[in-house]
Amino acid sequence: QVQLVESGGGLVQTGGSLRLSCAASARIVSISVMGWYRQAPGKQRELVARITNGDNTNYTVSVKGRLIISRDNAKNPVYLQMNSLKPEDTAVYYCNAVFERYGRTWYDYWGQGTQVTVSS
């Protein structure tokens, strides 16, 4: 089984920046749809950003222009650059990797999450 490990979370003041990283134990980033999700206390887990294996990206409206997803296929990491952070960005952030082909989901991996806390 492939392991996904997130890192880079922490405590930051409003307006600050963080960069989250997602490391995969196998070279799956280049063929997978990679996503960052987050879950705040008392709220549903939501998609933050996603990048396809064709390098198309999409974002939830609340983070557009502030959070950027990227991938480095040669080194097999996925990043979430977070700028102009707001208290409402506080959540546990999860990395996700999905491979779908021929109408079937062949894998759907999740990391354990990394805490991001944005103080007022």
N, C-alpha and C. Protein backbone atom coordinates (compact mmCIF):
# COMPACT_ATOMS: atom_id res chain seq x y z
N GLN A 1 0.83 -1.18 0.00
CA GLN A 1 0.00 0.00 0.00
C GLN A 1 0.88 1.25 0.00
N VAL A 2 0.45 2.25 -0.74
CA VAL A 2 1.17 3.50 -0.81
C VAL A 2 0.85 4.34 0.41
N GLN A 3 1.88 4.95 0.98
CA GLN A 3 1.71 5.84 2.11
C GLN A 3 1.85 7.29 1.66
N LEU A 4 0.97 8.14 2.15
CA LEU A 4 1.05 9.57 1.94
C LEU A 4 1.31 10.24 3.28
N VAL A 5 2.29 11.11 3.33
CA VAL A 5 2.66 11.78 4.56
C VAL A 5 2.69 13.28 4.32
N GLU A 6 1.86 14.01 5.07
CA GLU A 6 1.83 15.45 4.98
C GLU A 6 2.79 16.07 5.99
N SER A 7 3.31 17.22 5.65
CA SER A 7 4.15 17.97 6.56
C SER A 7 4.03 19.45 6.24
N GLY A 8 4.54 20.28 7.13
CA GLY A 8 4.57 21.71 6.90
C GLY A 8 3.52 22.51 7.64
N GLY A 9 2.63 21.84 8.34
CA GLY A 9 1.63 22.54 9.10
C GLY A 9 2.23 23.21 10.32
N GLY A 10 1.44 24.05 10.96
CA GLY A 10 1.90 24.73 12.14
C GLY A 10 1.01 25.90 12.48
N LEU A 11 1.53 26.74 13.35
CA LEU A 11 0.82 27.93 13.81
C LEU A 11 1.37 29.15 13.09
N VAL A 12 0.48 29.95 12.53
CA VAL A 12 0.88 31.15 11.81
C VAL A 12 -0.13 32.25 12.10
N GLN A 13 0.33 33.48 12.05
CA GLN A 13 -0.55 34.61 12.25
C GLN A 13 -1.32 34.94 10.98
N THR A 14 -2.44 35.61 11.14
CA THR A 14 -3.22 36.06 10.00
C THR A 14 -2.33 36.83 9.03
N GLY A 15 -2.45 36.49 7.75
CA GLY A 15 -1.64 37.11 6.72
C GLY A 15 -0.34 36.40 6.43
N GLY A 16 -0.01 35.42 7.23
CA GLY A 16 1.22 34.68 7.04
C GLY A 16 1.10 33.61 5.98
N SER A 17 2.20 32.88 5.80
CA SER A 17 2.28 31.86 4.76
C SER A 17 2.81 30.55 5.32
N LEU A 18 2.39 29.47 4.71
CA LEU A 18 2.91 28.14 4.98
C LEU A 18 2.96 27.39 3.66
N ARG A 19 3.83 26.40 3.59
CA ARG A 19 3.82 25.49 2.46
C ARG A 19 3.71 24.07 2.97
N LEU A 20 2.63 23.42 2.60
CA LEU A 20 2.43 22.03 2.95
C LEU A 20 3.04 21.14 1.88
N SER A 21 3.55 20.01 2.31
CA SER A 21 4.11 19.03 1.40
C SER A 21 3.43 17.69 1.61
N CYS A 22 3.31 16.94 0.54
CA CYS A 22 2.78 15.59 0.59
C CYS A 22 3.78 14.68 -0.10
N ALA A 23 4.32 13.75 0.65
CA ALA A 23 5.29 12.80 0.12
C ALA A 23 4.64 11.43 -0.03
N ALA A 24 4.82 10.83 -1.17
CA ALA A 24 4.28 9.50 -1.46
C ALA A 24 5.39 8.47 -1.42
N SER A 25 5.06 7.30 -0.90
CA SER A 25 6.05 6.23 -0.78
C SER A 25 6.32 5.52 -2.10
N ALA A 26 5.51 5.80 -3.12
CA ALA A 26 5.72 5.27 -4.45
C ALA A 26 5.53 6.39 -5.45
N ARG A 27 6.04 6.18 -6.66
CA ARG A 27 5.98 7.22 -7.67
C ARG A 27 4.63 7.21 -8.38
N ILE A 28 3.65 7.74 -7.69
CA ILE A 28 2.29 7.76 -8.20
C ILE A 28 1.79 9.16 -8.53
N VAL A 29 2.54 10.18 -8.14
CA VAL A 29 2.06 11.55 -8.31
C VAL A 29 1.80 11.88 -9.78
N SER A 30 2.66 11.42 -10.66
CA SER A 30 2.56 11.78 -12.07
C SER A 30 1.34 11.18 -12.76
N ILE A 31 0.78 10.12 -12.23
CA ILE A 31 -0.36 9.47 -12.86
C ILE A 31 -1.65 9.66 -12.08
N SER A 32 -1.57 10.28 -10.92
CA SER A 32 -2.72 10.41 -10.05
C SER A 32 -3.32 11.79 -10.11
N VAL A 33 -4.60 11.87 -9.77
CA VAL A 33 -5.20 13.14 -9.43
C VAL A 33 -4.88 13.39 -7.96
N MET A 34 -4.17 14.46 -7.69
CA MET A 34 -3.73 14.78 -6.34
C MET A 34 -4.59 15.91 -5.79
N GLY A 35 -4.99 15.77 -4.55
CA GLY A 35 -5.82 16.79 -3.95
C GLY A 35 -5.42 17.10 -2.53
N TRP A 36 -5.73 18.31 -2.13
CA TRP A 36 -5.64 18.72 -0.73
C TRP A 36 -7.05 18.97 -0.23
N TYR A 37 -7.36 18.35 0.88
CA TYR A 37 -8.64 18.54 1.55
C TYR A 37 -8.38 19.09 2.95
N ARG A 38 -9.40 19.65 3.54
CA ARG A 38 -9.27 20.11 4.91
C ARG A 38 -10.56 19.88 5.67
N GLN A 39 -10.41 19.74 6.97
CA GLN A 39 -11.56 19.55 7.84
C GLN A 39 -11.36 20.37 9.10
N ALA A 40 -12.24 21.33 9.30
CA ALA A 40 -12.24 22.15 10.49
C ALA A 40 -13.17 21.53 11.52
N PRO A 41 -12.97 21.83 12.81
CA PRO A 41 -13.84 21.27 13.84
C PRO A 41 -15.31 21.58 13.57
N GLY A 42 -16.14 20.56 13.64
CA GLY A 42 -17.57 20.73 13.44
C GLY A 42 -18.01 20.91 12.01
N LYS A 43 -17.10 20.76 11.06
CA LYS A 43 -17.44 20.95 9.66
C LYS A 43 -17.08 19.71 8.85
N GLN A 44 -17.69 19.59 7.68
CA GLN A 44 -17.40 18.49 6.78
C GLN A 44 -16.04 18.69 6.12
N ARG A 45 -15.42 17.58 5.77
CA ARG A 45 -14.19 17.66 5.01
C ARG A 45 -14.50 18.23 3.63
N GLU A 46 -13.70 19.17 3.18
CA GLU A 46 -13.93 19.82 1.91
C GLU A 46 -12.68 19.79 1.05
N LEU A 47 -12.91 19.77 -0.24
CA LEU A 47 -11.81 19.88 -1.19
C LEU A 47 -11.28 21.31 -1.19
N VAL A 48 -9.98 21.45 -1.05
CA VAL A 48 -9.33 22.74 -1.11
C VAL A 48 -8.78 23.00 -2.51
N ALA A 49 -8.01 22.06 -3.01
CA ALA A 49 -7.38 22.21 -4.31
C ALA A 49 -7.12 20.84 -4.90
N ARG A 50 -7.09 20.78 -6.22
CA ARG A 50 -6.87 19.51 -6.91
C ARG A 50 -6.07 19.76 -8.16
N ILE A 51 -5.19 18.83 -8.48
CA ILE A 51 -4.43 18.90 -9.71
C ILE A 51 -4.50 17.54 -10.39
N THR A 52 -4.86 17.53 -11.66
CA THR A 52 -5.00 16.29 -12.41
C THR A 52 -3.67 15.87 -12.99
N ASN A 53 -3.65 14.65 -13.55
CA ASN A 53 -2.42 14.20 -14.20
C ASN A 53 -2.15 14.93 -15.51
N GLY A 54 -3.10 15.74 -15.95
CA GLY A 54 -2.89 16.63 -17.07
C GLY A 54 -2.57 18.05 -16.63
N ASP A 55 -2.34 18.23 -15.34
CA ASP A 55 -1.94 19.50 -14.73
C ASP A 55 -3.05 20.55 -14.76
N ASN A 56 -4.28 20.12 -14.88
CA ASN A 56 -5.39 21.02 -14.66
C ASN A 56 -5.62 21.17 -13.17
N THR A 57 -5.94 22.36 -12.73
CA THR A 57 -6.15 22.63 -11.32
C THR A 57 -7.53 23.21 -11.08
N ASN A 58 -8.05 22.98 -9.90
CA ASN A 58 -9.24 23.68 -9.46
C ASN A 58 -9.16 23.90 -7.96
N TYR A 59 -9.90 24.89 -7.50
CA TYR A 59 -9.84 25.33 -6.12
C TYR A 59 -11.24 25.64 -5.62
N THR A 60 -11.42 25.50 -4.34
CA THR A 60 -12.63 26.02 -3.75
C THR A 60 -12.55 27.54 -3.78
N VAL A 61 -13.69 28.18 -3.94
CA VAL A 61 -13.73 29.62 -4.16
C VAL A 61 -13.03 30.39 -3.05
N SER A 62 -13.17 29.94 -1.82
CA SER A 62 -12.65 30.68 -0.68
C SER A 62 -11.12 30.77 -0.64
N VAL A 63 -10.42 29.94 -1.40
CA VAL A 63 -8.96 29.95 -1.36
C VAL A 63 -8.33 30.42 -2.66
N LYS A 64 -9.13 30.70 -3.66
CA LYS A 64 -8.58 31.13 -4.95
C LYS A 64 -7.76 32.39 -4.80
N GLY A 65 -6.58 32.37 -5.38
CA GLY A 65 -5.68 33.51 -5.31
C GLY A 65 -4.79 33.51 -4.09
N ARG A 66 -5.06 32.64 -3.12
CA ARG A 66 -4.25 32.58 -1.90
C ARG A 66 -3.51 31.26 -1.75
N LEU A 67 -4.16 30.17 -2.13
CA LEU A 67 -3.57 28.85 -2.01
C LEU A 67 -3.31 28.29 -3.40
N ILE A 68 -2.16 27.67 -3.58
CA ILE A 68 -1.74 27.17 -4.87
C ILE A 68 -1.25 25.73 -4.73
N ILE A 69 -1.81 24.85 -5.53
CA ILE A 69 -1.37 23.47 -5.55
C ILE A 69 -0.38 23.28 -6.70
N SER A 70 0.64 22.49 -6.46
CA SER A 70 1.62 22.20 -7.49
C SER A 70 2.19 20.81 -7.27
N ARG A 71 2.84 20.30 -8.29
CA ARG A 71 3.45 18.98 -8.19
C ARG A 71 4.83 19.01 -8.82
N ASP A 72 5.68 18.14 -8.33
CA ASP A 72 7.00 17.96 -8.90
C ASP A 72 7.13 16.49 -9.23
N ASN A 73 6.87 16.15 -10.48
CA ASN A 73 6.83 14.74 -10.87
C ASN A 73 8.19 14.06 -10.73
N ALA A 74 9.26 14.80 -10.93
CA ALA A 74 10.58 14.22 -10.83
C ALA A 74 10.91 13.80 -9.41
N LYS A 75 10.47 14.60 -8.44
CA LYS A 75 10.76 14.32 -7.04
C LYS A 75 9.60 13.67 -6.29
N ASN A 76 8.44 13.59 -6.96
CA ASN A 76 7.25 12.94 -6.42
C ASN A 76 6.66 13.60 -5.19
N PRO A 77 6.72 14.93 -5.07
CA PRO A 77 5.98 15.59 -4.02
C PRO A 77 4.80 16.38 -4.58
N VAL A 78 3.86 16.69 -3.71
CA VAL A 78 2.79 17.61 -4.02
C VAL A 78 2.80 18.69 -2.95
N TYR A 79 2.61 19.93 -3.37
CA TYR A 79 2.69 21.04 -2.45
C TYR A 79 1.38 21.81 -2.42
N LEU A 80 1.15 22.46 -1.31
CA LEU A 80 0.10 23.45 -1.20
C LEU A 80 0.73 24.70 -0.60
N GLN A 81 0.99 25.69 -1.45
CA GLN A 81 1.51 26.97 -0.99
C GLN A 81 0.34 27.80 -0.49
N MET A 82 0.40 28.21 0.75
CA MET A 82 -0.68 28.95 1.38
C MET A 82 -0.20 30.34 1.75
N ASN A 83 -0.81 31.33 1.15
CA ASN A 83 -0.47 32.73 1.39
C ASN A 83 -1.69 33.47 1.93
N SER A 84 -1.42 34.61 2.55
CA SER A 84 -2.49 35.46 3.07
C SER A 84 -3.49 34.66 3.90
N LEU A 85 -2.97 33.88 4.81
CA LEU A 85 -3.81 32.97 5.57
C LEU A 85 -4.76 33.72 6.49
N LYS A 86 -5.93 33.13 6.66
CA LYS A 86 -6.99 33.68 7.48
C LYS A 86 -7.36 32.69 8.57
N PRO A 87 -7.93 33.16 9.67
CA PRO A 87 -8.35 32.23 10.72
C PRO A 87 -9.28 31.13 10.22
N GLU A 88 -10.10 31.42 9.23
CA GLU A 88 -11.01 30.41 8.70
C GLU A 88 -10.30 29.32 7.91
N ASP A 89 -9.00 29.49 7.66
CA ASP A 89 -8.22 28.43 7.05
C ASP A 89 -7.77 27.38 8.06
N THR A 90 -7.99 27.63 9.33
CA THR A 90 -7.60 26.69 10.36
C THR A 90 -8.32 25.36 10.18
N ALA A 91 -7.56 24.29 10.07
CA ALA A 91 -8.12 22.97 9.83
C ALA A 91 -7.00 21.95 9.81
N VAL A 92 -7.38 20.69 9.79
CA VAL A 92 -6.44 19.63 9.48
C VAL A 92 -6.47 19.44 7.97
N TYR A 93 -5.31 19.47 7.35
CA TYR A 93 -5.19 19.35 5.91
C TYR A 93 -4.72 17.96 5.53
N TYR A 94 -5.41 17.36 4.57
CA TYR A 94 -5.13 16.00 4.16
C TYR A 94 -4.74 15.94 2.69
N CYS A 95 -3.78 15.10 2.39
CA CYS A 95 -3.37 14.83 1.03
C CYS A 95 -4.11 13.60 0.52
N ASN A 96 -4.48 13.64 -0.75
CA ASN A 96 -5.24 12.56 -1.36
C ASN A 96 -4.70 12.25 -2.75
N ALA A 97 -4.64 10.97 -3.09
CA ALA A 97 -4.21 10.52 -4.41
C ALA A 97 -5.22 9.52 -4.94
N VAL A 98 -5.71 9.78 -6.15
CA VAL A 98 -6.71 8.93 -6.77
C VAL A 98 -6.27 8.58 -8.18
N PHE A 99 -6.43 7.31 -8.55
CA PHE A 99 -6.19 6.87 -9.91
C PHE A 99 -7.46 6.21 -10.42
N GLU A 100 -8.04 6.80 -11.45
CA GLU A 100 -9.24 6.28 -12.06
C GLU A 100 -9.00 6.03 -13.54
N ARG A 101 -9.42 4.87 -14.01
CA ARG A 101 -9.27 4.53 -15.41
C ARG A 101 -10.25 3.42 -15.75
N TYR A 102 -10.77 3.48 -16.94
CA TYR A 102 -11.74 2.51 -17.44
C TYR A 102 -12.97 2.45 -16.54
N GLY A 103 -13.35 3.59 -16.01
CA GLY A 103 -14.53 3.67 -15.18
C GLY A 103 -14.38 3.07 -13.80
N ARG A 104 -13.16 2.85 -13.37
CA ARG A 104 -12.92 2.23 -12.07
C ARG A 104 -11.89 3.03 -11.29
N THR A 105 -12.10 3.11 -9.99
CA THR A 105 -11.12 3.71 -9.09
C THR A 105 -10.16 2.62 -8.63
N TRP A 106 -8.91 2.73 -9.06
CA TRP A 106 -7.94 1.70 -8.75
C TRP A 106 -7.30 1.92 -7.39
N TYR A 107 -7.18 3.16 -6.97
CA TYR A 107 -6.77 3.45 -5.61
C TYR A 107 -7.26 4.82 -5.18
N ASP A 108 -7.34 4.99 -3.89
CA ASP A 108 -7.78 6.24 -3.28
C ASP A 108 -7.06 6.32 -1.94
N TYR A 109 -5.90 6.95 -1.95
CA TYR A 109 -5.04 7.00 -0.77
C TYR A 109 -5.20 8.32 -0.03
N TRP A 110 -5.08 8.25 1.27
CA TRP A 110 -5.17 9.43 2.14
C TRP A 110 -4.00 9.46 3.12
N GLY A 111 -3.51 10.66 3.37
CA GLY A 111 -2.54 10.84 4.43
C GLY A 111 -3.23 11.01 5.77
N GLN A 112 -2.43 11.14 6.81
CA GLN A 112 -2.96 11.26 8.17
C GLN A 112 -3.31 12.69 8.56
N GLY A 113 -2.87 13.66 7.77
CA GLY A 113 -3.22 15.04 8.00
C GLY A 113 -2.15 15.83 8.73
N THR A 114 -2.17 17.12 8.53
CA THR A 114 -1.29 18.04 9.24
C THR A 114 -2.11 19.26 9.67
N GLN A 115 -1.90 19.68 10.90
CA GLN A 115 -2.69 20.75 11.48
C GLN A 115 -2.16 22.11 11.04
N VAL A 116 -3.07 22.95 10.57
CA VAL A 116 -2.77 24.34 10.28
C VAL A 116 -3.65 25.20 11.17
N THR A 117 -3.02 26.07 11.94
CA THR A 117 -3.75 26.97 12.83
C THR A 117 -3.35 28.40 12.52
N VAL A 118 -4.33 29.22 12.22
CA VAL A 118 -4.09 30.62 11.89
C VAL A 118 -4.70 31.47 13.00
N SER A 119 -3.86 32.20 13.70
CA SER A 119 -4.30 33.02 14.81
C SER A 119 -4.74 34.39 14.33
N SER A 120 -5.63 34.99 15.09
CA SER A 120 -6.16 36.31 14.75
C SER A 120 -5.13 37.39 15.04
